[in-house]
């Protein structure tokens, strides 16, 4: 027989809070608060090339991850996300 003793997805629920949640066309920087239990690992990635995450973009337990968004020089609006 075997048993697995590892964090489960329910146990490793992640709650995020971004400050600020939006940026204007000038771009800027902010922080993402990551809340999870101390034995749960996480990783983050930006879904747009104009968003840069502080390194390392991985961790375990609670953390604060810095991000920077480059200025938007185009006429059209844009939307990007950080996936944790």
N, C-alpha and C. Protein backbone atom coordinates (compact mmCIF):
# COMPACT_ATOMS: atom_id res chain seq x y z
N UNK A 1 0.85 -1.18 0.00
CA UNK A 1 0.00 0.00 0.00
C UNK A 1 0.89 1.23 0.00
N UNK A 2 0.27 2.37 -0.35
CA UNK A 2 1.01 3.61 -0.33
C UNK A 2 0.11 4.73 0.15
N UNK A 3 0.72 5.76 0.66
CA UNK A 3 -0.05 6.93 1.06
C UNK A 3 0.73 8.17 0.64
N UNK A 4 -0.02 9.20 0.32
CA UNK A 4 0.58 10.45 -0.12
C UNK A 4 0.32 11.51 0.93
N UNK A 5 1.36 12.15 1.37
CA UNK A 5 1.21 13.24 2.34
C UNK A 5 1.82 14.50 1.74
N UNK A 6 1.04 15.16 0.93
CA UNK A 6 1.49 16.39 0.27
C UNK A 6 0.35 17.38 0.31
N UNK A 7 0.66 18.65 0.13
CA UNK A 7 -0.42 19.64 0.09
C UNK A 7 -1.39 19.35 -1.04
N UNK A 8 -2.65 19.53 -0.76
CA UNK A 8 -3.68 19.32 -1.76
C UNK A 8 -4.07 20.67 -2.35
N UNK A 9 -4.71 20.67 -3.54
CA UNK A 9 -5.14 21.95 -4.11
C UNK A 9 -6.06 22.74 -3.18
N UNK A 10 -6.89 22.05 -2.41
CA UNK A 10 -7.78 22.75 -1.47
C UNK A 10 -6.95 23.39 -0.37
N UNK A 11 -5.99 22.68 0.14
CA UNK A 11 -5.14 23.19 1.19
C UNK A 11 -4.25 24.33 0.69
N UNK A 12 -3.92 24.30 -0.58
CA UNK A 12 -3.03 25.30 -1.15
C UNK A 12 -3.78 26.36 -1.94
N UNK A 13 -4.92 26.74 -1.48
CA UNK A 13 -5.64 27.82 -2.13
C UNK A 13 -4.80 29.09 -2.05
N UNK A 14 -4.85 29.89 -3.10
CA UNK A 14 -4.06 31.11 -3.18
C UNK A 14 -5.00 32.31 -3.28
N UNK A 15 -4.72 33.34 -2.51
CA UNK A 15 -5.47 34.60 -2.59
C UNK A 15 -4.50 35.69 -3.01
N UNK A 16 -4.92 36.51 -3.99
CA UNK A 16 -4.04 37.56 -4.52
C UNK A 16 -4.65 38.93 -4.30
N UNK A 17 -3.79 39.92 -4.14
CA UNK A 17 -4.23 41.31 -4.10
C UNK A 17 -3.16 42.16 -4.77
N UNK A 18 -3.57 42.95 -5.76
CA UNK A 18 -2.62 43.79 -6.50
C UNK A 18 -2.79 45.25 -6.12
N UNK A 19 -1.67 45.93 -5.93
CA UNK A 19 -1.68 47.35 -5.62
C UNK A 19 -0.69 48.06 -6.52
N UNK A 20 -1.09 48.90 -7.43
CA UNK A 20 -2.46 49.17 -7.84
C UNK A 20 -2.97 48.06 -8.76
N UNK A 21 -4.28 47.96 -8.90
CA UNK A 21 -4.88 46.93 -9.75
C UNK A 21 -4.83 47.32 -11.22
N UNK A 22 -4.78 48.61 -11.50
CA UNK A 22 -4.67 49.09 -12.89
C UNK A 22 -3.63 50.20 -12.95
N UNK A 23 -3.07 50.37 -14.14
CA UNK A 23 -2.10 51.44 -14.38
C UNK A 23 -2.54 52.23 -15.60
N UNK A 24 -2.15 53.49 -15.68
CA UNK A 24 -2.50 54.29 -16.86
C UNK A 24 -1.46 54.06 -17.96
N UNK A 25 -1.59 54.80 -19.05
CA UNK A 25 -0.73 54.60 -20.23
C UNK A 25 0.74 54.85 -19.95
N UNK A 26 1.07 55.58 -18.91
CA UNK A 26 2.47 55.84 -18.58
C UNK A 26 3.18 54.62 -18.02
N UNK A 27 2.42 53.57 -17.70
CA UNK A 27 3.01 52.37 -17.10
C UNK A 27 3.25 52.61 -15.62
N UNK A 28 4.14 51.84 -15.04
CA UNK A 28 4.45 51.99 -13.63
C UNK A 28 4.76 50.67 -12.98
N UNK A 29 4.74 50.68 -11.66
CA UNK A 29 5.06 49.47 -10.93
C UNK A 29 4.08 49.28 -9.78
N UNK A 30 4.10 48.09 -9.23
CA UNK A 30 3.23 47.77 -8.11
C UNK A 30 3.66 46.48 -7.46
N UNK A 31 2.79 45.96 -6.61
CA UNK A 31 3.08 44.74 -5.88
C UNK A 31 1.85 43.84 -5.89
N UNK A 32 2.11 42.55 -5.91
CA UNK A 32 1.05 41.56 -5.79
C UNK A 32 1.27 40.82 -4.49
N UNK A 33 0.29 40.89 -3.60
CA UNK A 33 0.34 40.13 -2.36
C UNK A 33 -0.15 38.72 -2.62
N UNK A 34 0.63 37.74 -2.23
CA UNK A 34 0.29 36.33 -2.43
C UNK A 34 0.09 35.71 -1.07
N UNK A 35 -1.11 35.19 -0.84
CA UNK A 35 -1.42 34.56 0.45
C UNK A 35 -1.76 33.09 0.24
N UNK A 36 -1.01 32.23 0.89
CA UNK A 36 -1.26 30.80 0.89
C UNK A 36 -0.58 30.24 2.14
N UNK A 37 -0.78 28.97 2.42
CA UNK A 37 -0.16 28.40 3.61
C UNK A 37 1.34 28.21 3.39
N UNK A 38 2.09 28.16 4.45
CA UNK A 38 3.55 28.18 4.36
C UNK A 38 4.15 26.96 3.67
N UNK A 39 3.44 25.85 3.61
CA UNK A 39 4.00 24.66 2.96
C UNK A 39 3.61 24.54 1.49
N UNK A 40 2.94 25.54 0.95
CA UNK A 40 2.50 25.50 -0.45
C UNK A 40 3.40 26.36 -1.33
N UNK A 41 3.83 25.80 -2.45
CA UNK A 41 4.67 26.53 -3.38
C UNK A 41 3.81 27.22 -4.44
N UNK A 42 4.37 28.25 -5.05
CA UNK A 42 3.67 28.98 -6.11
C UNK A 42 4.69 29.47 -7.12
N UNK A 43 4.21 29.78 -8.31
CA UNK A 43 5.05 30.41 -9.33
C UNK A 43 4.18 31.42 -10.08
N UNK A 44 4.80 32.43 -10.64
CA UNK A 44 4.06 33.48 -11.34
C UNK A 44 4.71 33.74 -12.69
N UNK A 45 3.88 34.18 -13.64
CA UNK A 45 4.37 34.57 -14.96
C UNK A 45 3.48 35.67 -15.50
N UNK A 46 4.05 36.53 -16.31
CA UNK A 46 3.29 37.59 -16.97
C UNK A 46 2.79 37.06 -18.30
N UNK A 47 1.56 37.42 -18.67
CA UNK A 47 1.03 36.96 -19.96
C UNK A 47 1.25 37.97 -21.07
N UNK A 48 2.02 39.01 -20.82
CA UNK A 48 2.33 40.02 -21.83
C UNK A 48 3.80 40.40 -21.71
N UNK A 49 4.46 40.65 -22.84
CA UNK A 49 5.89 40.95 -22.81
C UNK A 49 6.21 42.32 -22.24
N UNK A 50 5.23 43.18 -22.05
CA UNK A 50 5.47 44.51 -21.49
C UNK A 50 5.32 44.53 -19.97
N UNK A 51 5.03 43.37 -19.38
CA UNK A 51 4.97 43.24 -17.91
C UNK A 51 6.20 42.47 -17.46
N UNK A 52 6.93 43.04 -16.51
CA UNK A 52 8.12 42.39 -15.97
C UNK A 52 7.89 42.08 -14.50
N UNK A 53 8.22 40.86 -14.11
CA UNK A 53 8.11 40.45 -12.71
C UNK A 53 9.48 40.44 -12.06
N UNK A 54 9.51 40.75 -10.78
CA UNK A 54 10.76 40.65 -10.02
C UNK A 54 11.17 39.18 -9.96
N UNK A 55 12.44 38.95 -9.87
CA UNK A 55 12.90 37.57 -9.76
C UNK A 55 13.40 37.30 -8.35
N UNK A 56 13.21 36.14 -7.82
CA UNK A 56 12.55 35.03 -8.48
C UNK A 56 11.03 35.19 -8.44
N UNK A 57 10.37 34.67 -9.44
CA UNK A 57 8.90 34.73 -9.50
C UNK A 57 8.32 33.39 -9.05
N UNK A 58 8.98 32.81 -8.06
CA UNK A 58 8.52 31.57 -7.44
C UNK A 58 8.72 31.71 -5.94
N UNK A 59 8.00 30.93 -5.19
CA UNK A 59 8.18 30.99 -3.75
C UNK A 59 7.36 29.95 -3.03
N UNK A 60 7.33 30.08 -1.73
CA UNK A 60 6.59 29.18 -0.87
C UNK A 60 5.96 30.00 0.23
N UNK A 61 4.67 29.78 0.47
CA UNK A 61 3.96 30.52 1.50
C UNK A 61 3.66 31.94 1.06
N UNK A 62 3.40 32.80 2.03
CA UNK A 62 3.03 34.19 1.73
C UNK A 62 4.22 34.97 1.18
N UNK A 63 3.91 35.92 0.28
CA UNK A 63 4.97 36.72 -0.33
C UNK A 63 4.38 37.99 -0.92
N UNK A 64 5.28 38.87 -1.31
CA UNK A 64 4.92 40.09 -2.03
C UNK A 64 5.81 40.13 -3.27
N UNK A 65 5.19 40.15 -4.46
CA UNK A 65 5.91 40.09 -5.72
C UNK A 65 5.79 41.44 -6.43
N UNK A 66 6.92 42.04 -6.77
CA UNK A 66 6.92 43.32 -7.47
C UNK A 66 6.74 43.10 -8.97
N UNK A 67 6.06 44.05 -9.62
CA UNK A 67 5.92 44.00 -11.07
C UNK A 67 6.08 45.41 -11.64
N UNK A 68 6.44 45.47 -12.93
CA UNK A 68 6.57 46.72 -13.65
C UNK A 68 5.89 46.57 -15.00
N UNK A 69 5.13 47.58 -15.40
CA UNK A 69 4.50 47.61 -16.72
C UNK A 69 5.12 48.75 -17.51
N UNK A 70 5.57 48.45 -18.73
CA UNK A 70 6.16 49.48 -19.59
C UNK A 70 5.07 50.43 -20.07
N UNK A 71 5.46 51.63 -20.44
CA UNK A 71 4.51 52.62 -20.96
C UNK A 71 3.87 52.10 -22.25
N UNK A 72 2.62 52.45 -22.47
CA UNK A 72 1.90 52.09 -23.69
C UNK A 72 2.06 53.23 -24.69
N UNK A 73 2.83 52.99 -25.74
CA UNK A 73 3.07 54.02 -26.75
C UNK A 73 2.11 53.92 -27.92
N UNK A 74 1.19 52.96 -27.87
CA UNK A 74 0.22 52.76 -28.94
C UNK A 74 -1.06 53.52 -28.64
N UNK A 75 -1.87 53.76 -29.68
CA UNK A 75 -3.15 54.45 -29.51
C UNK A 75 -4.17 53.54 -28.84
N UNK A 76 -4.12 52.26 -29.15
CA UNK A 76 -5.09 51.28 -28.61
C UNK A 76 -4.78 50.96 -27.15
N UNK A 77 -5.83 50.67 -26.39
CA UNK A 77 -5.62 50.24 -25.00
C UNK A 77 -5.11 48.80 -25.01
N UNK A 78 -4.57 48.36 -23.90
CA UNK A 78 -4.07 47.00 -23.80
C UNK A 78 -4.44 46.42 -22.45
N UNK A 79 -4.38 45.12 -22.39
CA UNK A 79 -4.73 44.41 -21.17
C UNK A 79 -3.73 43.29 -20.97
N UNK A 80 -3.25 43.13 -19.76
CA UNK A 80 -2.31 42.07 -19.45
C UNK A 80 -2.59 41.54 -18.06
N UNK A 81 -2.02 40.40 -17.74
CA UNK A 81 -2.27 39.79 -16.44
C UNK A 81 -1.01 39.10 -15.94
N UNK A 82 -0.98 38.92 -14.64
CA UNK A 82 0.04 38.08 -14.01
C UNK A 82 -0.69 36.84 -13.51
N UNK A 83 -0.21 35.69 -13.95
CA UNK A 83 -0.83 34.41 -13.60
C UNK A 83 -0.02 33.77 -12.47
N UNK A 84 -0.69 33.46 -11.36
CA UNK A 84 -0.01 32.81 -10.23
C UNK A 84 -0.63 31.44 -10.05
